[in-house]
N, C-alpha and C. Protein backbone atom coordinates (compact mmCIF):
# COMPACT_ATOMS: atom_id res chain seq x y z
N MET A 1 1.55 -3.10 -24.05
CA MET A 1 0.23 -2.84 -23.49
C MET A 1 -0.16 -1.50 -24.08
N ALA A 2 -1.49 -1.46 -24.45
CA ALA A 2 -1.99 -0.15 -24.98
C ALA A 2 -1.89 0.97 -24.10
N GLU A 3 -1.69 2.17 -24.59
CA GLU A 3 -1.69 3.41 -23.79
C GLU A 3 -3.08 3.68 -23.10
N THR A 4 -2.90 3.97 -21.94
CA THR A 4 -4.12 4.34 -21.05
C THR A 4 -4.41 5.92 -21.43
N ARG A 5 -5.60 6.14 -21.85
CA ARG A 5 -6.14 7.51 -22.07
C ARG A 5 -7.11 7.95 -21.08
N TYR A 6 -6.94 9.15 -20.77
CA TYR A 6 -7.94 9.79 -19.81
C TYR A 6 -8.23 11.17 -20.07
N ALA A 7 -9.47 11.64 -19.65
CA ALA A 7 -9.84 12.90 -19.91
C ALA A 7 -9.57 13.78 -18.70
N ARG A 8 -9.48 14.99 -18.98
CA ARG A 8 -9.36 16.01 -17.77
C ARG A 8 -10.51 16.99 -17.87
N LYS A 9 -11.06 17.25 -16.79
CA LYS A 9 -12.09 18.28 -16.68
C LYS A 9 -11.40 19.63 -16.76
N ALA A 10 -11.97 20.65 -17.26
CA ALA A 10 -11.39 21.95 -17.22
C ALA A 10 -10.91 22.33 -15.98
N GLY A 11 -9.67 22.55 -15.59
CA GLY A 11 -9.28 22.89 -14.29
C GLY A 11 -9.23 21.69 -13.41
N GLY A 12 -9.49 20.66 -13.71
CA GLY A 12 -9.41 19.44 -12.95
C GLY A 12 -8.32 18.60 -13.32
N GLU A 13 -8.09 17.53 -12.36
CA GLU A 13 -6.97 16.53 -12.61
C GLU A 13 -7.43 15.26 -12.67
N ALA A 14 -6.72 14.51 -13.46
CA ALA A 14 -7.06 12.97 -13.59
C ALA A 14 -6.80 12.37 -12.22
N VAL A 15 -7.44 11.26 -11.99
CA VAL A 15 -7.23 10.50 -10.80
C VAL A 15 -7.06 8.93 -11.17
N VAL A 16 -6.28 8.37 -10.34
CA VAL A 16 -5.86 6.99 -10.58
C VAL A 16 -6.49 6.12 -9.38
N THR A 17 -7.35 5.12 -9.78
CA THR A 17 -7.66 4.26 -8.56
C THR A 17 -6.90 2.87 -8.60
N LEU A 18 -6.32 2.65 -7.42
CA LEU A 18 -5.37 1.49 -7.41
C LEU A 18 -5.90 0.57 -6.39
N LYS A 19 -5.60 -0.77 -6.54
CA LYS A 19 -5.88 -1.69 -5.42
C LYS A 19 -4.60 -2.15 -5.20
N VAL A 20 -4.26 -2.17 -3.82
CA VAL A 20 -3.09 -2.50 -3.19
C VAL A 20 -3.23 -3.81 -2.32
N THR A 21 -2.65 -4.92 -2.71
CA THR A 21 -2.79 -6.18 -2.10
C THR A 21 -1.56 -6.74 -1.52
N LEU A 22 -1.61 -7.07 -0.26
CA LEU A 22 -0.46 -7.71 0.40
C LEU A 22 -0.31 -9.16 -0.15
N GLN A 23 0.72 -9.37 -0.99
CA GLN A 23 0.81 -10.63 -1.66
C GLN A 23 1.15 -11.77 -0.77
N GLY A 24 0.31 -12.89 -1.07
CA GLY A 24 0.55 -14.04 -0.20
C GLY A 24 -0.34 -14.09 0.97
N SER A 25 -1.13 -12.96 1.18
CA SER A 25 -2.08 -12.99 2.29
C SER A 25 -3.32 -13.75 1.98
N LYS A 26 -3.69 -14.60 2.89
CA LYS A 26 -4.97 -15.37 2.61
C LYS A 26 -5.64 -15.51 4.04
N PRO A 27 -6.94 -14.90 4.08
CA PRO A 27 -7.56 -14.19 2.95
C PRO A 27 -6.82 -12.88 2.75
N PRO A 28 -7.10 -12.36 1.51
CA PRO A 28 -6.34 -11.23 1.11
C PRO A 28 -6.54 -9.94 2.07
N ILE A 29 -5.35 -9.23 2.27
CA ILE A 29 -5.31 -7.88 2.96
C ILE A 29 -5.02 -6.97 1.84
N TRP A 30 -6.07 -5.99 1.74
CA TRP A 30 -5.93 -5.09 0.58
C TRP A 30 -6.52 -3.66 1.01
N ARG A 31 -6.11 -2.73 0.21
CA ARG A 31 -6.62 -1.36 0.24
C ARG A 31 -6.86 -0.89 -1.16
N ARG A 32 -8.10 -0.04 -1.22
CA ARG A 32 -8.15 0.74 -2.54
C ARG A 32 -7.97 2.12 -2.50
N LEU A 33 -7.01 2.72 -3.16
CA LEU A 33 -6.72 4.20 -3.05
C LEU A 33 -7.01 4.89 -4.25
N VAL A 34 -7.42 6.19 -4.10
CA VAL A 34 -7.64 7.05 -5.28
C VAL A 34 -6.55 8.07 -5.09
N MET A 35 -5.75 8.30 -6.09
CA MET A 35 -4.56 9.15 -6.00
C MET A 35 -4.69 10.13 -7.27
N PRO A 36 -4.06 11.41 -7.08
CA PRO A 36 -4.09 12.25 -8.30
C PRO A 36 -2.98 11.59 -9.28
N ALA A 37 -3.37 11.84 -10.59
CA ALA A 37 -2.42 11.18 -11.57
C ALA A 37 -1.09 11.82 -11.48
N SER A 38 -0.95 13.02 -10.87
CA SER A 38 0.33 13.75 -10.81
C SER A 38 1.05 13.34 -9.70
N ALA A 39 0.50 12.47 -8.79
CA ALA A 39 1.25 11.92 -7.56
C ALA A 39 2.47 11.06 -7.99
N SER A 40 3.59 11.40 -7.38
CA SER A 40 4.82 10.53 -7.60
C SER A 40 4.68 9.21 -6.94
N LEU A 41 5.58 8.31 -7.15
CA LEU A 41 5.60 7.06 -6.41
C LEU A 41 5.93 7.27 -5.01
N GLY A 42 6.65 8.44 -4.74
CA GLY A 42 7.02 8.68 -3.39
C GLY A 42 5.79 9.13 -2.56
N ARG A 43 4.85 9.79 -3.16
CA ARG A 43 3.61 10.06 -2.52
C ARG A 43 2.66 8.85 -2.45
N LEU A 44 2.84 8.02 -3.36
CA LEU A 44 2.03 6.68 -3.23
C LEU A 44 2.64 5.78 -2.04
N HIS A 45 4.02 5.92 -1.95
CA HIS A 45 4.53 5.11 -0.80
C HIS A 45 3.96 5.67 0.58
N THR A 46 3.82 6.96 0.72
CA THR A 46 3.25 7.54 1.85
C THR A 46 1.78 7.20 2.04
N ALA A 47 1.01 7.04 0.96
CA ALA A 47 -0.36 6.68 1.00
C ALA A 47 -0.58 5.27 1.41
N ILE A 48 0.37 4.32 0.84
CA ILE A 48 0.22 2.98 1.27
C ILE A 48 0.67 2.72 2.70
N GLN A 49 1.57 3.48 3.18
CA GLN A 49 2.05 3.24 4.58
C GLN A 49 0.79 3.70 5.43
N ALA A 50 0.19 4.85 5.12
CA ALA A 50 -1.02 5.29 5.88
C ALA A 50 -2.22 4.31 5.85
N ALA A 51 -2.37 3.97 4.73
CA ALA A 51 -3.56 3.07 4.60
C ALA A 51 -3.51 1.66 5.08
N MET A 52 -2.27 1.20 5.09
CA MET A 52 -2.04 -0.15 5.48
C MET A 52 -1.90 -0.27 6.98
N GLY A 53 -1.34 0.98 7.57
CA GLY A 53 -1.05 1.00 8.99
C GLY A 53 0.36 0.71 9.26
N TRP A 54 1.17 0.62 8.20
CA TRP A 54 2.67 0.56 8.33
C TRP A 54 3.20 1.77 9.12
N GLN A 55 4.36 1.66 9.70
CA GLN A 55 5.06 2.80 10.40
C GLN A 55 6.07 3.50 9.65
N ASN A 56 6.40 3.22 8.51
CA ASN A 56 7.37 3.76 7.56
C ASN A 56 8.78 3.78 8.27
N SER A 57 9.17 2.69 8.87
CA SER A 57 10.51 2.57 9.62
C SER A 57 11.53 1.71 8.88
N HIS A 58 11.15 1.41 7.59
CA HIS A 58 12.06 0.44 6.83
C HIS A 58 12.25 0.95 5.46
N LEU A 59 13.17 0.50 4.61
CA LEU A 59 13.38 0.82 3.19
C LEU A 59 12.21 0.16 2.46
N HIS A 60 11.99 0.70 1.31
CA HIS A 60 10.92 0.21 0.34
C HIS A 60 11.42 0.48 -1.12
N ALA A 61 10.81 -0.23 -1.97
CA ALA A 61 10.94 -0.01 -3.38
C ALA A 61 9.81 -0.38 -4.30
N PHE A 62 9.65 0.08 -5.43
CA PHE A 62 8.61 -0.09 -6.38
C PHE A 62 9.31 -0.77 -7.57
N ASP A 63 8.55 -1.67 -8.26
CA ASP A 63 9.08 -2.12 -9.52
C ASP A 63 7.87 -2.09 -10.56
N ALA A 64 8.28 -1.39 -11.62
CA ALA A 64 7.39 -1.20 -12.69
C ALA A 64 8.00 -1.53 -13.89
N GLY A 65 7.62 -2.54 -14.65
CA GLY A 65 8.08 -2.94 -15.92
C GLY A 65 9.59 -3.42 -15.85
N GLY A 66 10.03 -3.86 -14.74
CA GLY A 66 11.35 -4.29 -14.63
C GLY A 66 12.34 -3.15 -14.20
N ARG A 67 11.84 -2.05 -13.88
CA ARG A 67 12.66 -0.88 -13.37
C ARG A 67 12.37 -0.73 -11.97
N THR A 68 13.28 -0.46 -11.12
CA THR A 68 13.19 -0.26 -9.70
C THR A 68 13.27 1.26 -9.46
N TYR A 69 12.26 1.66 -8.41
CA TYR A 69 12.19 2.97 -7.98
C TYR A 69 12.29 3.01 -6.52
N GLY A 70 13.04 3.97 -5.92
CA GLY A 70 12.99 4.15 -4.44
C GLY A 70 13.27 5.54 -4.13
N ALA A 71 13.34 5.76 -2.85
CA ALA A 71 13.76 7.11 -2.35
C ALA A 71 15.10 7.41 -2.72
N ARG A 72 15.17 8.61 -3.19
CA ARG A 72 16.53 9.13 -3.72
C ARG A 72 17.75 8.89 -2.84
N GLY A 73 18.77 8.17 -3.22
CA GLY A 73 19.86 7.89 -2.44
C GLY A 73 19.87 6.81 -1.53
N MET A 74 18.73 6.08 -1.44
CA MET A 74 18.56 5.13 -0.42
C MET A 74 19.00 3.58 -1.04
N LEU A 75 18.82 3.41 -2.34
CA LEU A 75 18.94 2.08 -2.86
C LEU A 75 19.87 2.34 -4.08
N ASP A 76 20.93 1.35 -4.18
CA ASP A 76 21.76 1.47 -5.38
C ASP A 76 20.77 0.93 -6.53
N ASP A 77 21.18 1.48 -7.75
CA ASP A 77 20.56 1.11 -8.96
C ASP A 77 19.02 1.30 -8.97
N ALA A 78 18.56 2.23 -8.23
CA ALA A 78 17.13 2.54 -8.18
C ALA A 78 16.87 3.93 -8.70
N SER A 79 15.86 4.16 -9.61
CA SER A 79 15.51 5.49 -10.12
C SER A 79 14.76 6.17 -8.99
N ASP A 80 14.89 7.47 -8.95
CA ASP A 80 14.27 8.29 -7.90
C ASP A 80 12.71 8.22 -8.10
N GLU A 81 12.04 7.73 -7.04
CA GLU A 81 10.57 7.68 -7.03
C GLU A 81 9.91 9.02 -7.00
N SER A 82 10.52 10.14 -6.74
CA SER A 82 9.91 11.26 -6.69
C SER A 82 9.78 11.93 -8.14
N ARG A 83 10.46 11.33 -9.10
CA ARG A 83 10.46 11.79 -10.39
C ARG A 83 9.56 11.11 -11.42
N VAL A 84 8.68 10.31 -10.99
CA VAL A 84 7.79 9.58 -11.92
C VAL A 84 6.45 9.48 -11.13
N THR A 85 5.54 9.85 -12.11
CA THR A 85 4.12 9.91 -11.62
C THR A 85 3.26 8.64 -11.97
N LEU A 86 2.17 8.58 -11.27
CA LEU A 86 1.10 7.59 -11.59
C LEU A 86 0.66 7.73 -13.03
N GLY A 87 0.32 9.03 -13.34
CA GLY A 87 -0.22 9.18 -14.63
C GLY A 87 0.86 8.78 -15.80
N ALA A 88 2.20 9.15 -15.56
CA ALA A 88 3.12 8.76 -16.41
C ALA A 88 3.26 7.16 -16.66
N LEU A 89 3.16 6.53 -15.59
CA LEU A 89 3.18 5.09 -15.57
C LEU A 89 2.08 4.48 -16.28
N ALA A 90 0.81 5.09 -16.07
CA ALA A 90 -0.38 4.65 -16.71
C ALA A 90 -0.37 4.87 -18.25
N ARG A 91 0.19 5.97 -18.63
CA ARG A 91 0.37 6.35 -20.06
C ARG A 91 1.20 5.51 -20.83
N ALA A 92 2.30 4.90 -19.94
CA ALA A 92 3.24 4.13 -20.54
C ALA A 92 2.81 2.55 -20.53
N GLY A 93 1.63 2.45 -20.10
CA GLY A 93 0.85 1.08 -20.15
C GLY A 93 1.17 0.15 -18.91
N HIS A 94 1.71 0.61 -17.86
CA HIS A 94 1.97 0.00 -16.58
C HIS A 94 0.72 -0.14 -15.84
N LYS A 95 0.02 -1.39 -15.92
CA LYS A 95 -1.19 -1.58 -15.19
C LYS A 95 -1.03 -2.32 -13.87
N ARG A 96 0.14 -2.94 -13.72
CA ARG A 96 0.54 -3.56 -12.53
C ARG A 96 2.08 -3.23 -12.09
N LEU A 97 2.22 -2.98 -10.83
CA LEU A 97 3.39 -2.69 -10.28
C LEU A 97 3.66 -3.38 -8.98
N THR A 98 4.81 -3.62 -8.38
CA THR A 98 4.95 -4.07 -7.20
C THR A 98 5.52 -3.08 -6.15
N TYR A 99 5.36 -3.30 -4.81
CA TYR A 99 5.84 -2.34 -3.73
C TYR A 99 6.38 -3.37 -2.75
N THR A 100 7.67 -3.20 -2.36
CA THR A 100 8.13 -4.08 -1.33
C THR A 100 8.59 -3.07 -0.22
N TYR A 101 7.88 -3.44 1.03
CA TYR A 101 8.28 -2.61 2.16
C TYR A 101 8.99 -3.61 3.28
N ASP A 102 9.97 -3.16 3.74
CA ASP A 102 10.89 -3.87 4.86
C ASP A 102 11.51 -5.07 4.10
N PHE A 103 12.77 -4.89 3.67
CA PHE A 103 13.49 -5.92 2.86
C PHE A 103 13.76 -7.14 3.74
N GLY A 104 13.75 -7.04 5.13
CA GLY A 104 13.82 -8.18 5.92
C GLY A 104 12.59 -8.92 5.98
N ASP A 105 11.50 -8.38 6.34
CA ASP A 105 10.17 -9.13 6.31
C ASP A 105 9.68 -9.31 5.00
N SER A 106 10.08 -8.46 4.11
CA SER A 106 9.53 -8.61 2.67
C SER A 106 8.09 -8.57 2.63
N TRP A 107 7.49 -7.44 2.99
CA TRP A 107 6.03 -7.26 2.70
C TRP A 107 5.93 -6.83 1.20
N ASP A 108 5.53 -7.84 0.33
CA ASP A 108 5.34 -7.41 -0.95
C ASP A 108 3.87 -7.16 -1.29
N HIS A 109 3.66 -6.09 -1.99
CA HIS A 109 2.40 -5.68 -2.25
C HIS A 109 2.25 -5.64 -3.86
N LEU A 110 1.03 -6.16 -4.35
CA LEU A 110 0.74 -5.95 -5.87
C LEU A 110 -0.21 -4.85 -5.96
N ILE A 111 0.26 -3.85 -6.80
CA ILE A 111 -0.65 -2.76 -7.13
C ILE A 111 -1.16 -2.70 -8.51
N VAL A 112 -2.48 -2.83 -8.51
CA VAL A 112 -3.20 -2.85 -9.78
C VAL A 112 -3.87 -1.47 -10.15
N VAL A 113 -3.46 -0.93 -11.29
CA VAL A 113 -4.27 0.25 -11.63
C VAL A 113 -5.59 -0.18 -12.23
N GLU A 114 -6.71 0.22 -11.52
CA GLU A 114 -8.06 -0.24 -11.88
C GLU A 114 -8.65 0.76 -12.87
N LYS A 115 -8.30 2.09 -12.72
CA LYS A 115 -8.93 2.90 -13.62
C LYS A 115 -8.26 4.25 -13.40
N VAL A 116 -8.14 5.07 -14.64
CA VAL A 116 -7.69 6.45 -14.67
C VAL A 116 -8.76 7.18 -15.26
N GLU A 117 -9.34 8.31 -14.63
CA GLU A 117 -10.34 9.00 -15.13
C GLU A 117 -10.43 10.47 -14.54
N ALA A 118 -11.17 11.27 -14.99
CA ALA A 118 -11.25 12.68 -14.68
C ALA A 118 -11.75 12.63 -13.23
N ALA A 119 -11.14 13.59 -12.44
CA ALA A 119 -11.53 13.77 -11.05
C ALA A 119 -13.03 14.22 -10.90
N ALA A 120 -13.64 13.60 -9.92
CA ALA A 120 -15.03 13.95 -9.66
C ALA A 120 -15.08 15.19 -8.95
N ASP A 121 -15.85 16.18 -9.31
CA ASP A 121 -15.90 17.44 -8.47
C ASP A 121 -16.33 17.32 -7.06
N GLY A 122 -15.57 17.75 -6.24
CA GLY A 122 -15.76 17.77 -4.81
C GLY A 122 -15.37 16.55 -4.05
N ARG A 123 -14.74 15.61 -4.84
CA ARG A 123 -14.33 14.35 -4.22
C ARG A 123 -12.82 14.56 -3.73
N PRO A 124 -12.65 14.59 -2.45
CA PRO A 124 -11.23 14.86 -1.93
C PRO A 124 -10.29 13.65 -2.18
N ILE A 125 -9.14 14.05 -2.69
CA ILE A 125 -8.11 13.06 -3.06
C ILE A 125 -6.84 13.56 -2.54
N PRO A 126 -5.90 12.80 -2.08
CA PRO A 126 -5.95 11.18 -2.07
C PRO A 126 -6.97 10.75 -1.08
N ALA A 127 -7.36 9.56 -1.28
CA ALA A 127 -8.36 8.83 -0.44
C ALA A 127 -8.10 7.29 -0.43
N CYS A 128 -8.59 6.83 0.68
CA CYS A 128 -8.59 5.16 0.81
C CYS A 128 -10.14 5.03 0.74
N ILE A 129 -10.53 4.37 -0.09
CA ILE A 129 -12.09 4.28 -0.23
C ILE A 129 -12.56 2.76 -0.07
N ALA A 130 -11.70 1.88 0.15
CA ALA A 130 -12.13 0.45 0.59
C ALA A 130 -10.96 -0.28 1.09
N GLY A 131 -11.24 -1.37 1.80
CA GLY A 131 -10.21 -2.25 2.13
C GLY A 131 -10.65 -3.39 2.95
N LYS A 132 -9.84 -4.43 3.29
CA LYS A 132 -10.23 -5.61 4.01
C LYS A 132 -9.05 -6.04 4.92
N ARG A 133 -9.36 -6.38 6.05
CA ARG A 133 -8.56 -6.93 6.99
C ARG A 133 -7.42 -6.11 7.61
N ALA A 134 -6.99 -6.39 8.83
CA ALA A 134 -6.00 -5.60 9.48
C ALA A 134 -4.68 -5.75 8.86
N CYS A 135 -3.76 -4.68 8.88
CA CYS A 135 -2.42 -4.97 8.42
C CYS A 135 -1.58 -5.80 9.60
N PRO A 136 -0.74 -6.68 9.10
CA PRO A 136 0.13 -7.21 10.09
C PRO A 136 0.98 -6.29 10.92
N PRO A 137 1.27 -6.61 12.02
CA PRO A 137 2.11 -5.69 12.81
C PRO A 137 3.49 -5.74 12.23
N GLU A 138 4.02 -4.51 12.32
CA GLU A 138 5.42 -4.18 11.97
C GLU A 138 6.46 -5.14 12.67
N ASP A 139 7.35 -5.65 11.94
CA ASP A 139 8.55 -6.38 12.43
C ASP A 139 8.01 -7.83 13.03
N CYS A 140 7.09 -8.43 12.63
CA CYS A 140 6.64 -9.71 13.08
C CYS A 140 7.21 -10.81 12.28
N GLY A 141 8.19 -10.55 11.21
CA GLY A 141 8.83 -11.80 10.72
C GLY A 141 8.13 -12.09 9.26
N GLY A 142 7.54 -11.13 8.71
CA GLY A 142 6.85 -11.33 7.31
C GLY A 142 5.58 -12.27 7.44
N LEU A 143 5.08 -12.59 6.36
CA LEU A 143 3.86 -13.42 6.48
C LEU A 143 4.01 -14.70 7.26
N TRP A 144 5.09 -15.24 7.26
CA TRP A 144 5.22 -16.61 7.99
C TRP A 144 5.18 -16.16 9.55
N GLY A 145 5.85 -15.07 9.92
CA GLY A 145 5.73 -14.75 11.30
C GLY A 145 4.30 -14.28 11.74
N TYR A 146 3.64 -13.60 10.82
CA TYR A 146 2.33 -13.10 11.08
C TYR A 146 1.34 -14.36 11.27
N TYR A 147 1.55 -15.29 10.43
CA TYR A 147 0.60 -16.50 10.66
C TYR A 147 0.99 -17.26 11.90
N GLU A 148 2.06 -17.23 12.32
CA GLU A 148 2.49 -17.83 13.76
C GLU A 148 1.71 -17.12 14.67
N LEU A 149 1.72 -15.72 14.58
CA LEU A 149 1.10 -14.88 15.60
C LEU A 149 -0.48 -15.21 15.57
N LEU A 150 -1.05 -15.36 14.37
CA LEU A 150 -2.45 -15.71 14.38
C LEU A 150 -2.83 -17.03 15.01
N ASP A 151 -1.85 -18.10 14.72
CA ASP A 151 -1.98 -19.37 15.28
C ASP A 151 -1.96 -19.24 16.89
N ALA A 152 -1.14 -18.40 17.40
CA ALA A 152 -0.96 -18.23 18.86
C ALA A 152 -2.31 -17.55 19.36
N LEU A 153 -2.89 -16.55 18.58
CA LEU A 153 -4.05 -15.91 19.02
C LEU A 153 -5.15 -16.92 19.17
N ALA A 154 -5.26 -17.84 18.25
CA ALA A 154 -6.38 -18.72 18.13
C ALA A 154 -6.23 -19.99 19.04
N ASP A 155 -5.05 -20.33 19.51
CA ASP A 155 -4.87 -21.46 20.25
C ASP A 155 -4.30 -21.19 21.64
N PRO A 156 -5.20 -21.51 22.64
CA PRO A 156 -4.75 -21.15 24.04
C PRO A 156 -3.53 -22.07 24.42
N ASP A 157 -3.27 -23.20 23.73
CA ASP A 157 -2.20 -24.10 24.13
C ASP A 157 -0.96 -23.91 23.31
N TYR A 158 -0.97 -22.81 22.51
CA TYR A 158 0.15 -22.65 21.56
C TYR A 158 1.42 -22.38 22.27
N PRO A 159 2.51 -23.04 22.01
CA PRO A 159 3.84 -22.75 22.67
C PRO A 159 4.18 -21.31 22.68
N ASP A 160 4.61 -20.77 23.66
CA ASP A 160 5.09 -19.33 23.95
C ASP A 160 3.91 -18.38 23.60
N ARG A 161 2.60 -18.78 23.85
CA ARG A 161 1.54 -17.94 23.52
C ARG A 161 1.53 -16.66 24.29
N ASP A 162 1.77 -16.71 25.53
CA ASP A 162 1.79 -15.42 26.42
C ASP A 162 2.77 -14.48 25.85
N GLU A 163 3.99 -14.86 25.58
CA GLU A 163 4.91 -13.95 25.07
C GLU A 163 4.52 -13.36 23.77
N ARG A 164 3.94 -14.13 22.93
CA ARG A 164 3.57 -13.61 21.48
C ARG A 164 2.37 -12.68 21.81
N LEU A 165 1.49 -12.92 22.56
CA LEU A 165 0.29 -12.11 22.70
C LEU A 165 0.55 -10.77 23.46
N GLU A 166 1.52 -10.92 24.46
CA GLU A 166 2.07 -9.74 24.99
C GLU A 166 2.69 -8.67 24.01
N TRP A 167 3.36 -9.29 22.97
CA TRP A 167 3.93 -8.47 21.87
C TRP A 167 2.78 -7.96 20.98
N LEU A 168 1.88 -8.94 20.59
CA LEU A 168 0.79 -8.62 19.70
C LEU A 168 -0.27 -7.84 20.33
N GLY A 169 -0.56 -8.17 21.52
CA GLY A 169 -1.82 -7.55 22.09
C GLY A 169 -3.01 -8.34 21.85
N GLU A 170 -3.63 -8.84 23.07
CA GLU A 170 -4.79 -9.86 22.87
C GLU A 170 -6.09 -9.20 22.07
N ASP A 171 -6.04 -7.95 22.01
CA ASP A 171 -7.16 -7.34 21.37
C ASP A 171 -7.13 -7.19 19.85
N PHE A 172 -5.93 -7.69 19.38
CA PHE A 172 -5.56 -7.72 17.89
C PHE A 172 -6.74 -8.50 17.28
N ASP A 173 -7.42 -7.81 16.17
CA ASP A 173 -8.39 -8.54 15.33
C ASP A 173 -7.96 -8.56 13.98
N PRO A 174 -7.47 -9.75 13.42
CA PRO A 174 -6.99 -9.65 12.03
C PRO A 174 -8.05 -9.45 10.98
N GLU A 175 -9.21 -9.57 11.37
CA GLU A 175 -10.40 -9.29 10.43
C GLU A 175 -10.80 -7.71 10.39
N ALA A 176 -10.24 -6.98 11.41
CA ALA A 176 -10.68 -5.59 11.51
C ALA A 176 -10.14 -4.70 10.41
N PHE A 177 -10.78 -3.72 9.96
CA PHE A 177 -10.45 -2.70 9.12
C PHE A 177 -11.43 -1.48 9.28
N ASP A 178 -10.73 -0.50 9.65
CA ASP A 178 -11.39 0.88 10.02
C ASP A 178 -11.26 1.78 8.66
N LEU A 179 -12.11 1.79 7.90
CA LEU A 179 -11.99 2.57 6.54
C LEU A 179 -11.94 4.06 6.95
N ALA A 180 -12.76 4.58 7.81
CA ALA A 180 -12.70 5.95 8.18
C ALA A 180 -11.29 6.30 8.64
N ARG A 181 -10.69 5.50 9.47
CA ARG A 181 -9.35 5.86 10.02
C ARG A 181 -8.28 5.73 8.89
N ALA A 182 -8.37 4.71 8.13
CA ALA A 182 -7.32 4.61 6.92
C ALA A 182 -7.43 5.79 6.10
N ASP A 183 -8.72 6.25 5.81
CA ASP A 183 -8.84 7.43 4.91
C ASP A 183 -8.31 8.66 5.55
N LYS A 184 -8.62 8.83 6.71
CA LYS A 184 -8.14 9.94 7.49
C LYS A 184 -6.71 10.00 7.54
N ALA A 185 -5.94 8.91 7.70
CA ALA A 185 -4.46 8.70 7.80
C ALA A 185 -3.95 9.04 6.41
N VAL A 186 -4.63 8.58 5.37
CA VAL A 186 -4.01 8.78 3.96
C VAL A 186 -4.20 10.32 3.73
N LYS A 187 -5.31 10.97 4.06
CA LYS A 187 -5.50 12.41 3.88
C LYS A 187 -4.45 13.29 4.68
N ALA A 188 -4.28 12.84 5.84
CA ALA A 188 -3.30 13.51 6.69
C ALA A 188 -1.83 13.35 6.33
N GLY A 189 -1.55 12.15 5.84
CA GLY A 189 -0.17 11.86 5.42
C GLY A 189 0.32 12.40 4.06
N VAL A 190 -0.50 12.42 3.19
CA VAL A 190 -0.04 12.66 1.79
C VAL A 190 -0.66 14.04 1.31
N ARG A 191 0.45 14.87 1.05
CA ARG A 191 0.06 16.34 0.64
C ARG A 191 0.34 16.51 -0.68
């Protein structure tokens, strides 16, 4: 893949716009993030957690070009995620990477680098600038368990519906996405 080039403004920093999609979700559950090119994969992990609404209570890993990255000392045979930046990955030609959160539920996310460009003056980063649909609740059993919860939510005669809705909450709206809340969470969580 060709090297991605980007300009820097005097005193400014390049930014990377990423689309993060929960793989296998139909309709798609996704977020668009703008991160500094100097941000590490560790910072991207924190941004994804905040934007998606995950609770950061499970292990995670990134895969870029067949190489695995994770939190230092947490995974065997994984490179330290804090030592590689988004800009370095983009310059190496990595336009797509994966992020797996919770190895039991296997929430797999596809991350696509949409653009790398000079930072716009006055535009605060990191930021969540778009998204669709609510994030599945933590520990619901992966996509398969999530779709069972949605079936229970939609069908008053679903077996064990009361127990499932007690856990889920009857006010859960799978179509809901609050951009302002996601952006605020990203800004508060990523420093």
